[in-house]
Structure formats: structure tokens, C-alpha cells
Amino acid sequence: MNASAPKLVLHYAPIACSMVPWICLTEAGAAFETVRVDLKAGQQMSAEFLRLNPKHRVPVLVIDGEPLTENVAILQWLDRRFPQAALMPTEPMAYTRATSLLAWFASGIHPALTPNALPQRFCDLPDSADSVRRCAQKLLVEYLAIAEQRLAGRDWFFDARTCVDIYFYWCLRRMQQFGIDLAPYAACSAHFARVQARPAVQSLLAFEAETLRAFAH
């Protein structure tokens, strides 16, 4: 890390979508610190964390003391700061389409994942949790079919690996954790395996396991 490089601190929680910038930072060869946030313990509601992000969400990437939130913004900043990592396509229309996909993951797929883990956020009627999850999973299956068409015959969403692939990997991982079977979606399944095999992802999975063990004690 040279003298002009910013100090980067990523506030990260295991399993959450903060794994996406963690992987991208690693893919870029960036020097960064990780602050592990225990969501189950409510650390995201602490006064210290709320000063960084009053939305009480991860990820937060602190850049020379200035917090940046939301994956779409973080990933675009990383692409500009580390262009050699090719985290986004360089051709203008491809870049715009990549941004469109990132926005879909963040504003479409991600909100359909959350009800599976926290159905009470979406309906507080008695015995409604199963219905909330069922409705959310209908959306996820619809989104999987769209992604399957987009990935058919391709290794990546674009000509090479980008942060779009890494974000979608997280989406697929969460879907499987909620019991959605990827077997009917051959292209999505192959994409998931392809991304998971990358060294940066394997490093993240080891770090996640270590973090979960630390939180359990």
C-alpha cells in the first residue's frame, strides 16, 4: 500500500451481503482492515455503528475516515480505485448494464431474500411467517429464471469476471440457505460453482467460518 492509498476499513457481518465487497477487495489485492459486526448480538444498533450508518446495515466501507454505504456505490468506488482488478466492464454500455444488474440484485433480489430470514419485518399478523416466506420465494424463483436465461451459454455475466458475478454468487448462496434448489437452473448452478472456486471466495469462506466461531464464544 503506497503513501497515497486510502485507509480502508470494511464493516462486515458473516453471511450478510458485506461478503461481496470483502471478496472484491481481496480480488483487487487491496489492503484493508475488517471490523466484524455481530448482527445477532445487535452490534449494528450500537451508537458507534449508527454514527457510521444510521440505517444500521452492513456493509460500510470507511475510506480515510469517511463511511460509504450500499453495495452498488461501494463496488463502483472499488472499480474506480482499483481499475487493474477489472471489477466492472470498461465499455460504456456494458458498464451501464453491469450497474443495472447490481441495482437489480440490490433492489429486487435482495429484498426478496430478507423475508425468508425476517418475515416479521413484513407482516406482524399471527402465523403469517410461512405465507411471507412462500410469497418471497415465488419472486426468487421468477428471478432465477431471468438470470438463467441471462447466463445460458456463458461463464460470466460479461466477457470476464466482474463484481456482478460476485454479488450474484451471494444471492444464490442465500437462496440455497433458504432451501431453494438450484438443480433446475443449470447455468446458475454452474456459475455458483465457478465463483465459489475462486481463491478470493475460498478465503472469504474461511474468514466467515472463523468469524462465526468467534461470535459463538
C-alpha atoms as a PDB file:
ATOM      1  CA  MET A   1       0.000   0.000   0.000  1.00  0.00           C
ATOM      2  CA  ASN A   2       1.658   3.232  -1.140  1.00  0.00           C
ATOM      3  CA  ALA A   3       1.579   6.542   0.710  1.00  0.00           C
ATOM      4  CA  SER A   4      -1.266   7.913  -1.408  1.00  0.00           C
ATOM      5  CA  ALA A   5      -3.524   4.883  -0.962  1.00  0.00           C
ATOM      6  CA  PRO A   6      -6.553   5.456   1.261  1.00  0.00           C
ATOM      7  CA  LYS A   7      -7.023   3.638   4.523  1.00  0.00           C
ATOM      8  CA  LEU A   8      -9.881   1.185   4.028  1.00  0.00           C
ATOM      9  CA  VAL A   9     -11.918  -0.368   6.827  1.00  0.00           C
ATOM     10  CA  LEU A  10     -14.785  -2.702   5.932  1.00  0.00           C
ATOM     11  CA  HIS A  11     -17.517  -3.289   8.476  1.00  0.00           C
ATOM     12  CA  TYR A  12     -18.578  -6.845   7.765  1.00  0.00           C
ATOM     13  CA  ALA A  13     -21.032  -9.401   9.134  1.00  0.00           C
ATOM     14  CA  PRO A  14     -20.830 -13.100   8.265  1.00  0.00           C
ATOM     15  CA  ILE A  15     -23.401 -14.470   5.803  1.00  0.00           C
ATOM     16  CA  ALA A  16     -24.648 -10.936   5.039  1.00  0.00           C
ATOM     17  CA  CYS A  17     -24.076  -9.165   1.724  1.00  0.00           C
ATOM     18  CA  SER A  18     -20.983  -7.490   3.167  1.00  0.00           C
ATOM     19  CA  MET A  19     -19.171 -10.562   1.910  1.00  0.00           C
ATOM     20  CA  VAL A  20     -19.447  -9.048  -1.581  1.00  0.00           C
ATOM     21  CA  PRO A  21     -17.098  -6.069  -1.024  1.00  0.00           C
ATOM     22  CA  TRP A  22     -14.838  -8.287   1.128  1.00  0.00           C
ATOM     23  CA  ILE A  23     -14.359 -10.601  -1.857  1.00  0.00           C
ATOM     24  CA  CYS A  24     -13.966  -7.705  -4.290  1.00  0.00           C
ATOM     25  CA  LEU A  25     -11.365  -6.000  -2.102  1.00  0.00           C
ATOM     26  CA  THR A  26      -9.470  -9.291  -1.996  1.00  0.00           C
ATOM     27  CA  GLU A  27      -9.795  -9.793  -5.762  1.00  0.00           C
ATOM     28  CA  ALA A  28      -8.347  -6.292  -6.203  1.00  0.00           C
ATOM     29  CA  GLY A  29      -5.389  -7.034  -3.928  1.00  0.00           C
ATOM     30  CA  ALA A  30      -6.388  -4.096  -1.746  1.00  0.00           C
ATOM     31  CA  ALA A  31      -5.040  -3.568   1.746  1.00  0.00           C
ATOM     32  CA  PHE A  32      -7.981  -3.252   4.124  1.00  0.00           C
ATOM     33  CA  GLU A  33      -8.994  -3.858   7.701  1.00  0.00           C
ATOM     34  CA  THR A  34     -12.133  -5.731   8.694  1.00  0.00           C
ATOM     35  CA  VAL A  35     -14.361  -4.821  11.605  1.00  0.00           C
ATOM     36  CA  ARG A  36     -16.588  -7.805  12.352  1.00  0.00           C
ATOM     37  CA  VAL A  37     -20.171  -6.878  13.251  1.00  0.00           C
ATOM     38  CA  ASP A  38     -22.255  -9.414  15.199  1.00  0.00           C
ATOM     39  CA  LEU A  39     -25.787  -8.820  13.928  1.00  0.00           C
ATOM     40  CA  LYS A  40     -27.320 -11.392  16.263  1.00  0.00           C
ATOM     41  CA  ALA A  41     -25.826  -9.540  19.214  1.00  0.00           C
ATOM     42  CA  GLY A  42     -27.229  -6.273  17.873  1.00  0.00           C
ATOM     43  CA  GLN A  43     -23.884  -4.560  17.335  1.00  0.00           C
ATOM     44  CA  GLN A  44     -25.326  -2.776  14.295  1.00  0.00           C
ATOM     45  CA  MET A  45     -27.588  -0.855  16.697  1.00  0.00           C
ATOM     46  CA  SER A  46     -24.746   0.445  18.847  1.00  0.00           C
ATOM     47  CA  ALA A  47     -24.180   4.195  18.999  1.00  0.00           C
ATOM     48  CA  GLU A  48     -20.731   3.729  17.476  1.00  0.00           C
ATOM     49  CA  PHE A  49     -22.063   1.869  14.448  1.00  0.00           C
ATOM     50  CA  LEU A  50     -25.055   4.174  13.983  1.00  0.00           C
ATOM     51  CA  ARG A  51     -22.667   7.099  13.675  1.00  0.00           C
ATOM     52  CA  LEU A  52     -21.215   5.344  10.621  1.00  0.00           C
ATOM     53  CA  ASN A  53     -24.523   4.171   9.200  1.00  0.00           C
ATOM     54  CA  PRO A  54     -27.814   5.309  10.762  1.00  0.00           C
ATOM     55  CA  LYS A  55     -29.528   2.730   8.506  1.00  0.00           C
ATOM     56  CA  HIS A  56     -27.936   0.087  10.798  1.00  0.00           C
ATOM     57  CA  ARG A  57     -26.865  -2.129   7.920  1.00  0.00           C
ATOM     58  CA  VAL A  58     -23.665  -3.673   6.613  1.00  0.00           C
ATOM     59  CA  PRO A  59     -21.584  -3.235   4.580  1.00  0.00           C
ATOM     60  CA  VAL A  60     -19.934   0.042   5.450  1.00  0.00           C
ATOM     61  CA  LEU A  61     -16.614   0.814   3.785  1.00  0.00           C
ATOM     62  CA  VAL A  62     -14.788   3.567   5.665  1.00  0.00           C
ATOM     63  CA  ILE A  63     -12.440   5.388   3.291  1.00  0.00           C
ATOM     64  CA  ASP A  64      -9.938   7.612   5.098  1.00  0.00           C
ATOM     65  CA  GLY A  65     -12.477   8.013   7.879  1.00  0.00           C
ATOM     66  CA  GLU A  66     -15.459   8.670   5.591  1.00  0.00           C
ATOM     67  CA  PRO A  67     -18.162   5.972   5.546  1.00  0.00           C
ATOM     68  CA  LEU A  68     -19.618   4.744   2.265  1.00  0.00           C
ATOM     69  CA  THR A  69     -22.705   2.537   2.348  1.00  0.00           C
ATOM     70  CA  GLU A  70     -24.710   0.465  -0.165  1.00  0.00           C
ATOM     71  CA  ASN A  71     -23.083  -2.244  -2.239  1.00  0.00           C
ATOM     72  CA  VAL A  72     -23.752  -0.647  -5.619  1.00  0.00           C
ATOM     73  CA  ALA A  73     -21.875   2.502  -4.594  1.00  0.00           C
ATOM     74  CA  ILE A  74     -19.094   0.613  -2.810  1.00  0.00           C
ATOM     75  CA  LEU A  75     -18.466  -1.672  -5.784  1.00  0.00           C
ATOM     76  CA  GLN A  76     -18.353   1.229  -8.234  1.00  0.00           C
ATOM     77  CA  TRP A  77     -15.909   3.077  -5.977  1.00  0.00           C
ATOM     78  CA  LEU A  78     -13.716  -0.023  -5.768  1.00  0.00           C
ATOM     79  CA  ASP A  79     -13.737  -0.367  -9.548  1.00  0.00           C
ATOM     80  CA  ARG A  80     -12.530   3.217  -9.986  1.00  0.00           C
ATOM     81  CA  ARG A  81      -9.935   2.963  -7.216  1.00  0.00           C
ATOM     82  CA  PHE A  82      -8.563  -0.383  -8.433  1.00  0.00           C
ATOM     83  CA  PRO A  83      -9.036  -0.359 -12.219  1.00  0.00           C
ATOM     84  CA  GLN A  84      -6.448  -3.093 -12.692  1.00  0.00           C
ATOM     85  CA  ALA A  85      -8.837  -5.536 -10.990  1.00  0.00           C
ATOM     86  CA  ALA A  86     -11.454  -5.096 -13.754  1.00  0.00           C
ATOM     87  CA  LEU A  87     -14.327  -5.275 -11.276  1.00  0.00           C
ATOM     88  CA  MET A  88     -16.635  -3.645 -13.843  1.00  0.00           C
ATOM     89  CA  PRO A  89     -16.658  -3.773 -17.652  1.00  0.00           C
ATOM     90  CA  THR A  90     -14.876  -0.847 -19.288  1.00  0.00           C
ATOM     91  CA  GLU A  91     -17.050  -0.431 -22.402  1.00  0.00           C
ATOM     92  CA  PRO A  92     -19.632   2.280 -21.559  1.00  0.00           C
ATOM     93  CA  MET A  93     -22.824   0.374 -22.384  1.00  0.00           C
ATOM     94  CA  ALA A  94     -21.516  -2.788 -20.713  1.00  0.00           C
ATOM     95  CA  TYR A  95     -20.673  -0.692 -17.638  1.00  0.00           C
ATOM     96  CA  THR A  96     -24.207   0.683 -17.603  1.00  0.00           C
ATOM     97  CA  ARG A  97     -25.696  -2.795 -17.956  1.00  0.00           C
ATOM     98  CA  ALA A  98     -23.496  -4.038 -15.128  1.00  0.00           C
ATOM     99  CA  THR A  99     -24.793  -1.208 -12.957  1.00  0.00           C
ATOM    100  CA  SER A 100     -28.330  -2.224 -13.917  1.00  0.00           C
ATOM    101  CA  LEU A 101     -27.666  -5.796 -12.773  1.00  0.00           C
ATOM    102  CA  LEU A 102     -26.122  -4.630  -9.499  1.00  0.00           C
ATOM    103  CA  ALA A 103     -29.166  -2.452  -8.901  1.00  0.00           C
ATOM    104  CA  TRP A 104     -31.471  -5.424  -9.625  1.00  0.00           C
ATOM    105  CA  PHE A 105     -29.605  -7.586  -7.124  1.00  0.00           C
ATOM    106  CA  ALA A 106     -29.752  -4.836  -4.501  1.00  0.00           C
ATOM    107  CA  SER A 107     -33.324  -3.634  -5.035  1.00  0.00           C
ATOM    108  CA  GLY A 108     -35.020  -6.724  -6.456  1.00  0.00           C
ATOM    109  CA  ILE A 109     -33.410  -9.999  -5.414  1.00  0.00           C
ATOM    110  CA  HIS A 110     -32.071  -8.896  -2.021  1.00  0.00           C
ATOM    111  CA  PRO A 111     -35.456  -7.620  -0.766  1.00  0.00           C
ATOM    112  CA  ALA A 112     -36.990 -10.960  -1.733  1.00  0.00           C
ATOM    113  CA  LEU A 113     -34.332 -12.761   0.302  1.00  0.00           C
ATOM    114  CA  THR A 114     -34.830 -10.820   3.526  1.00  0.00           C
ATOM    115  CA  PRO A 115     -38.411 -12.056   4.242  1.00  0.00           C
ATOM    116  CA  ASN A 116     -37.064 -15.609   4.433  1.00  0.00           C
ATOM    117  CA  ALA A 117     -34.886 -14.671   7.391  1.00  0.00           C
ATOM    118  CA  LEU A 118     -37.024 -11.936   8.947  1.00  0.00           C
ATOM    119  CA  PRO A 119     -40.681 -12.458   7.983  1.00  0.00           C
ATOM    120  CA  GLN A 120     -41.801 -10.398  10.980  1.00  0.00           C
ATOM    121  CA  ARG A 121     -40.479  -7.270   9.278  1.00  0.00           C
ATOM    122  CA  PHE A 122     -43.068  -7.672   6.550  1.00  0.00           C
ATOM    123  CA  CYS A 123     -46.177  -8.906   8.367  1.00  0.00           C
ATOM    124  CA  ASP A 124     -46.939  -8.957  12.087  1.00  0.00           C
ATOM    125  CA  LEU A 125     -50.159 -10.980  11.894  1.00  0.00           C
ATOM    126  CA  PRO A 126     -50.128 -14.238  13.882  1.00  0.00           C
ATOM    127  CA  ASP A 127     -48.960 -17.320  11.988  1.00  0.00           C
ATOM    128  CA  SER A 128     -48.051 -15.291   8.903  1.00  0.00           C
ATOM    129  CA  ALA A 129     -44.365 -16.214   8.657  1.00  0.00           C
ATOM    130  CA  ASP A 130     -44.829 -19.188   6.319  1.00  0.00           C
ATOM    131  CA  SER A 131     -47.012 -17.151   3.972  1.00  0.00           C
ATOM    132  CA  VAL A 132     -44.472 -14.317   3.858  1.00  0.00           C
ATOM    133  CA  ARG A 133     -41.675 -16.753   3.042  1.00  0.00           C
ATOM    134  CA  ARG A 134     -43.767 -18.509   0.389  1.00  0.00           C
ATOM    135  CA  CYS A 135     -44.557 -15.230  -1.388  1.00  0.00           C
ATOM    136  CA  ALA A 136     -40.905 -14.170  -1.266  1.00  0.00           C
ATOM    137  CA  GLN A 137     -39.738 -17.488  -2.691  1.00  0.00           C
ATOM    138  CA  LYS A 138     -42.158 -17.176  -5.614  1.00  0.00           C
ATOM    139  CA  LEU A 139     -40.363 -13.970  -6.531  1.00  0.00           C
ATOM    140  CA  LEU A 140     -36.953 -15.591  -6.129  1.00  0.00           C
ATOM    141  CA  VAL A 141     -37.892 -18.440  -8.467  1.00  0.00           C
ATOM    142  CA  GLU A 142     -39.073 -15.885 -11.023  1.00  0.00           C
ATOM    143  CA  TYR A 143     -35.772 -14.014 -10.707  1.00  0.00           C
ATOM    144  CA  LEU A 144     -33.801 -17.248 -11.036  1.00  0.00           C
ATOM    145  CA  ALA A 145     -35.489 -17.950 -14.365  1.00  0.00           C
ATOM    146  CA  ILE A 146     -34.473 -14.496 -15.626  1.00  0.00           C
ATOM    147  CA  ALA A 147     -30.864 -14.993 -14.506  1.00  0.00           C
ATOM    148  CA  GLU A 148     -30.800 -18.481 -16.039  1.00  0.00           C
ATOM    149  CA  GLN A 149     -31.614 -17.023 -19.442  1.00  0.00           C
ATOM    150  CA  ARG A 150     -29.014 -14.298 -18.995  1.00  0.00           C
ATOM    151  CA  LEU A 151     -26.280 -16.819 -18.113  1.00  0.00           C
ATOM    152  CA  ALA A 152     -27.162 -19.506 -20.655  1.00  0.00           C
ATOM    153  CA  GLY A 153     -24.029 -20.498 -22.563  1.00  0.00           C
ATOM    154  CA  ARG A 154     -21.847 -18.073 -20.602  1.00  0.00           C
ATOM    155  CA  ASP A 155     -19.242 -18.394 -17.876  1.00  0.00           C
ATOM    156  CA  TRP A 156     -19.865 -14.866 -16.579  1.00  0.00           C
ATOM    157  CA  PHE A 157     -22.462 -12.139 -16.954  1.00  0.00           C
ATOM    158  CA  PHE A 158     -19.964 -10.254 -19.144  1.00  0.00           C
ATOM    159  CA  ASP A 159     -16.847 -11.296 -21.072  1.00  0.00           C
ATOM    160  CA  ALA A 160     -14.859 -11.827 -17.880  1.00  0.00           C
ATOM    161  CA  ARG A 161     -15.424 -11.988 -14.134  1.00  0.00           C
ATOM    162  CA  THR A 162     -16.788  -8.781 -12.646  1.00  0.00           C
ATOM    163  CA  CYS A 163     -18.270  -7.734  -9.317  1.00  0.00           C
ATOM    164  CA  VAL A 164     -21.654  -8.558 -10.855  1.00  0.00           C
ATOM    165  CA  ASP A 165     -20.737 -12.234 -10.684  1.00  0.00           C
ATOM    166  CA  ILE A 166     -19.620 -11.911  -7.077  1.00  0.00           C
ATOM    167  CA  TYR A 167     -22.824 -10.165  -5.993  1.00  0.00           C
ATOM    168  CA  PHE A 168     -24.947 -12.762  -7.789  1.00  0.00           C
ATOM    169  CA  TYR A 169     -22.954 -15.528  -6.103  1.00  0.00           C
ATOM    170  CA  TRP A 170     -24.035 -14.094  -2.744  1.00  0.00           C
ATOM    171  CA  CYS A 171     -27.667 -14.018  -3.920  1.00  0.00           C
ATOM    172  CA  LEU A 172     -27.502 -17.669  -4.967  1.00  0.00           C
ATOM    173  CA  ARG A 173     -25.831 -18.646  -1.716  1.00  0.00           C
ATOM    174  CA  ARG A 174     -28.594 -17.062   0.334  1.00  0.00           C
ATOM    175  CA  MET A 175     -31.274 -18.681  -1.814  1.00  0.00           C
ATOM    176  CA  GLN A 176     -29.798 -22.094  -1.107  1.00  0.00           C
ATOM    177  CA  GLN A 177     -29.569 -21.320   2.601  1.00  0.00           C
ATOM    178  CA  PHE A 178     -33.322 -20.692   2.470  1.00  0.00           C
ATOM    179  CA  GLY A 179     -33.983 -24.049   0.809  1.00  0.00           C
ATOM    180  CA  ILE A 180     -34.285 -23.041  -2.831  1.00  0.00           C
ATOM    181  CA  ASP A 181     -32.958 -25.806  -5.081  1.00  0.00           C
ATOM    182  CA  LEU A 182     -30.668 -24.618  -7.874  1.00  0.00           C
ATOM    183  CA  ALA A 183     -30.709 -28.011  -9.631  1.00  0.00           C
ATOM    184  CA  PRO A 184     -33.325 -26.921 -12.226  1.00  0.00           C
ATOM    185  CA  TYR A 185     -31.132 -23.945 -13.126  1.00  0.00           C
ATOM    186  CA  ALA A 186     -28.039 -25.432 -14.733  1.00  0.00           C
ATOM    187  CA  ALA A 187     -26.434 -22.156 -15.783  1.00  0.00           C
ATOM    188  CA  CYS A 188     -26.952 -20.566 -12.366  1.00  0.00           C
ATOM    189  CA  SER A 189     -25.629 -23.680 -10.635  1.00  0.00           C
ATOM    190  CA  ALA A 190     -22.521 -23.731 -12.817  1.00  0.00           C
ATOM    191  CA  HIS A 191     -21.989 -20.007 -12.218  1.00  0.00           C
ATOM    192  CA  PHE A 192     -22.248 -20.513  -8.457  1.00  0.00           C
ATOM    193  CA  ALA A 193     -19.622 -23.268  -8.533  1.00  0.00           C
ATOM    194  CA  ARG A 194     -17.355 -21.229 -10.807  1.00  0.00           C
ATOM    195  CA  VAL A 195     -17.375 -18.203  -8.495  1.00  0.00           C
ATOM    196  CA  GLN A 196     -17.035 -20.293  -5.350  1.00  0.00           C
ATOM    197  CA  ALA A 197     -13.867 -21.885  -6.700  1.00  0.00           C
ATOM    198  CA  ARG A 198     -12.085 -18.533  -6.903  1.00  0.00           C
ATOM    199  CA  PRO A 199      -9.301 -18.071  -4.311  1.00  0.00           C
ATOM    200  CA  ALA A 200     -10.813 -14.830  -3.000  1.00  0.00           C
ATOM    201  CA  VAL A 201     -14.106 -16.582  -2.311  1.00  0.00           C
ATOM    202  CA  GLN A 202     -12.397 -19.504  -0.621  1.00  0.00           C
ATOM    203  CA  SER A 203     -10.531 -17.000   1.532  1.00  0.00           C
ATOM    204  CA  LEU A 204     -13.823 -15.330   2.452  1.00  0.00           C
ATOM    205  CA  LEU A 205     -15.437 -18.638   3.374  1.00  0.00           C
ATOM    206  CA  ALA A 206     -12.562 -19.440   5.716  1.00  0.00           C
ATOM    207  CA  PHE A 207     -12.763 -15.955   7.244  1.00  0.00           C
ATOM    208  CA  GLU A 208     -16.530 -16.312   7.650  1.00  0.00           C
ATOM    209  CA  ALA A 209     -16.157 -19.647   9.433  1.00  0.00           C
ATOM    210  CA  GLU A 210     -13.536 -18.157  11.759  1.00  0.00           C
ATOM    211  CA  THR A 211     -15.815 -15.186  12.478  1.00  0.00           C
ATOM    212  CA  LEU A 212     -18.805 -17.394  13.251  1.00  0.00           C
ATOM    213  CA  ARG A 213     -16.688 -19.452  15.658  1.00  0.00           C
ATOM    214  CA  ALA A 214     -15.515 -16.266  17.384  1.00  0.00           C
ATOM    215  CA  PHE A 215     -19.076 -14.985  17.719  1.00  0.00           C
ATOM    216  CA  ALA A 216     -20.207 -18.306  19.197  1.00  0.00           C
ATOM    217  CA  HIS A 217     -17.846 -17.885  22.191  1.00  0.00           C
END
